[in-house]
């Protein structure tokens, strides 16, 4: 059973994870510019303060 996992299942899982990551990174090209930008840090700090208050 371990032999089957090492020869067939593990490589397929590695390739699938790689393809999903590649797809996620490539999808940023098609997003509008405002969605592809990093999240503003100042708003996140205010939001965290509101959560704890």
N, C-alpha and C. Protein backbone atom coordinates (compact mmCIF):
# COMPACT_ATOMS: atom_id res chain seq x y z
N UNK A 1 0.83 -1.21 0.00
CA UNK A 1 0.00 0.00 0.00
C UNK A 1 0.87 1.27 0.00
N UNK A 2 1.95 1.25 0.80
CA UNK A 2 2.84 2.41 0.85
C UNK A 2 3.54 2.61 -0.49
N UNK A 3 3.88 1.51 -1.14
CA UNK A 3 4.52 1.57 -2.46
C UNK A 3 3.58 2.25 -3.47
N UNK A 4 2.31 1.87 -3.43
CA UNK A 4 1.31 2.47 -4.33
C UNK A 4 1.20 3.97 -4.07
N UNK A 5 1.19 4.35 -2.78
CA UNK A 5 1.08 5.77 -2.44
C UNK A 5 2.28 6.55 -2.95
N UNK A 6 3.49 6.00 -2.75
CA UNK A 6 4.71 6.72 -3.14
C UNK A 6 4.85 6.82 -4.65
N UNK A 7 4.43 5.80 -5.37
CA UNK A 7 4.65 5.80 -6.82
C UNK A 7 3.56 6.53 -7.59
N UNK A 8 2.34 6.49 -7.11
CA UNK A 8 1.23 7.03 -7.90
C UNK A 8 0.51 8.19 -7.23
N UNK A 9 0.11 8.02 -5.99
CA UNK A 9 -0.77 9.00 -5.35
C UNK A 9 -0.01 10.27 -4.96
N UNK A 10 1.15 10.13 -4.33
CA UNK A 10 1.92 11.31 -3.89
C UNK A 10 2.33 12.21 -5.05
N UNK A 11 2.87 11.67 -6.16
CA UNK A 11 3.22 12.57 -7.27
C UNK A 11 2.01 13.29 -7.86
N UNK A 12 0.88 12.61 -7.93
CA UNK A 12 -0.33 13.25 -8.45
C UNK A 12 -0.76 14.38 -7.52
N UNK A 13 -0.68 14.15 -6.21
CA UNK A 13 -1.04 15.20 -5.26
C UNK A 13 -0.12 16.41 -5.38
N UNK A 14 1.18 16.15 -5.54
CA UNK A 14 2.14 17.25 -5.67
C UNK A 14 1.84 18.07 -6.92
N UNK A 15 1.58 17.39 -8.03
CA UNK A 15 1.28 18.09 -9.29
C UNK A 15 -0.03 18.87 -9.17
N UNK A 16 -1.04 18.28 -8.53
CA UNK A 16 -2.31 18.98 -8.36
C UNK A 16 -2.15 20.24 -7.51
N UNK A 17 -1.40 20.15 -6.43
CA UNK A 17 -1.17 21.32 -5.58
C UNK A 17 -0.44 22.41 -6.36
N UNK A 18 0.57 21.99 -7.14
CA UNK A 18 1.31 22.95 -7.96
C UNK A 18 0.38 23.63 -8.96
N UNK A 19 -0.48 22.86 -9.63
CA UNK A 19 -1.37 23.43 -10.63
C UNK A 19 -2.38 24.38 -10.01
N UNK A 20 -2.89 24.04 -8.83
CA UNK A 20 -3.84 24.93 -8.15
C UNK A 20 -3.16 26.24 -7.77
N UNK A 21 -1.92 26.15 -7.27
CA UNK A 21 -1.18 27.37 -6.92
C UNK A 21 -0.89 28.21 -8.16
N UNK A 22 -0.51 27.55 -9.25
CA UNK A 22 -0.24 28.27 -10.50
C UNK A 22 -1.51 28.96 -11.01
N UNK A 23 -2.63 28.27 -10.93
CA UNK A 23 -3.91 28.85 -11.36
C UNK A 23 -4.28 30.05 -10.50
N UNK A 24 -4.07 29.94 -9.18
CA UNK A 24 -4.40 31.05 -8.28
C UNK A 24 -3.55 32.28 -8.57
N UNK A 25 -2.26 32.07 -8.83
CA UNK A 25 -1.38 33.19 -9.13
C UNK A 25 -1.70 33.77 -10.50
N UNK A 26 -1.99 32.92 -11.46
CA UNK A 26 -2.30 33.39 -12.81
C UNK A 26 -3.63 34.13 -12.87
N UNK A 27 -4.55 33.79 -11.98
CA UNK A 27 -5.87 34.43 -11.99
C UNK A 27 -5.77 35.91 -11.65
N UNK A 28 -4.69 36.32 -10.97
CA UNK A 28 -4.53 37.74 -10.62
C UNK A 28 -4.42 38.62 -11.86
N UNK A 29 -3.96 38.06 -12.98
CA UNK A 29 -3.83 38.84 -14.21
C UNK A 29 -5.20 39.34 -14.66
N UNK A 30 -6.23 38.52 -14.45
CA UNK A 30 -7.56 38.84 -14.97
C UNK A 30 -8.40 39.64 -13.98
N UNK A 31 -7.89 39.85 -12.77
CA UNK A 31 -8.65 40.63 -11.80
C UNK A 31 -8.55 42.12 -12.13
N UNK A 32 -9.57 42.90 -11.78
CA UNK A 32 -9.43 44.35 -11.90
C UNK A 32 -8.29 44.83 -11.01
N UNK A 33 -7.71 45.98 -11.36
CA UNK A 33 -6.53 46.45 -10.64
C UNK A 33 -6.80 46.70 -9.15
N UNK A 34 -8.00 47.14 -8.80
CA UNK A 34 -8.27 47.42 -7.39
C UNK A 34 -8.34 46.13 -6.57
N UNK A 35 -8.71 45.01 -7.19
CA UNK A 35 -8.76 43.75 -6.46
C UNK A 35 -7.39 43.09 -6.38
N UNK A 36 -6.54 43.35 -7.36
CA UNK A 36 -5.22 42.72 -7.39
C UNK A 36 -4.23 43.42 -6.46
N UNK A 37 -4.58 44.62 -5.99
CA UNK A 37 -3.67 45.37 -5.12
C UNK A 37 -3.65 44.74 -3.73
N UNK A 38 -2.55 44.92 -3.01
CA UNK A 38 -2.51 44.41 -1.62
C UNK A 38 -3.55 45.12 -0.76
N UNK A 39 -3.99 44.45 0.28
CA UNK A 39 -4.98 45.03 1.17
C UNK A 39 -4.37 46.20 1.93
N UNK A 40 -5.11 47.30 2.09
CA UNK A 40 -4.58 48.43 2.86
C UNK A 40 -4.42 48.05 4.33
N UNK A 41 -3.25 48.33 4.88
CA UNK A 41 -2.93 47.89 6.25
C UNK A 41 -3.66 48.74 7.28
N UNK A 42 -3.83 50.04 7.03
CA UNK A 42 -4.43 50.92 8.02
C UNK A 42 -5.87 50.53 8.33
N UNK A 43 -6.62 50.13 7.34
CA UNK A 43 -8.01 49.72 7.58
C UNK A 43 -8.06 48.44 8.38
N UNK A 44 -7.12 47.54 8.18
CA UNK A 44 -7.10 46.29 8.93
C UNK A 44 -6.81 46.56 10.41
N UNK A 45 -5.95 47.52 10.70
CA UNK A 45 -5.64 47.84 12.09
C UNK A 45 -6.87 48.42 12.78
N UNK A 46 -7.61 49.30 12.10
CA UNK A 46 -8.83 49.86 12.66
C UNK A 46 -9.86 48.77 12.89
N UNK A 47 -9.95 47.82 11.98
CA UNK A 47 -10.92 46.74 12.10
C UNK A 47 -10.59 45.86 13.30
N UNK A 48 -9.31 45.57 13.51
CA UNK A 48 -8.91 44.75 14.65
C UNK A 48 -9.22 45.47 15.96
N UNK A 49 -9.00 46.78 15.98
CA UNK A 49 -9.32 47.55 17.17
C UNK A 49 -10.80 47.53 17.47
N UNK A 50 -11.63 47.58 16.45
CA UNK A 50 -13.08 47.55 16.64
C UNK A 50 -13.53 46.18 17.14
N UNK A 51 -12.83 45.14 16.74
CA UNK A 51 -13.20 43.79 17.17
C UNK A 51 -12.94 43.60 18.66
N UNK A 52 -11.83 44.15 19.16
CA UNK A 52 -11.47 43.94 20.56
C UNK A 52 -12.19 44.91 21.49
N UNK A 53 -12.65 46.02 20.95
CA UNK A 53 -13.27 47.04 21.78
C UNK A 53 -14.64 46.67 22.11
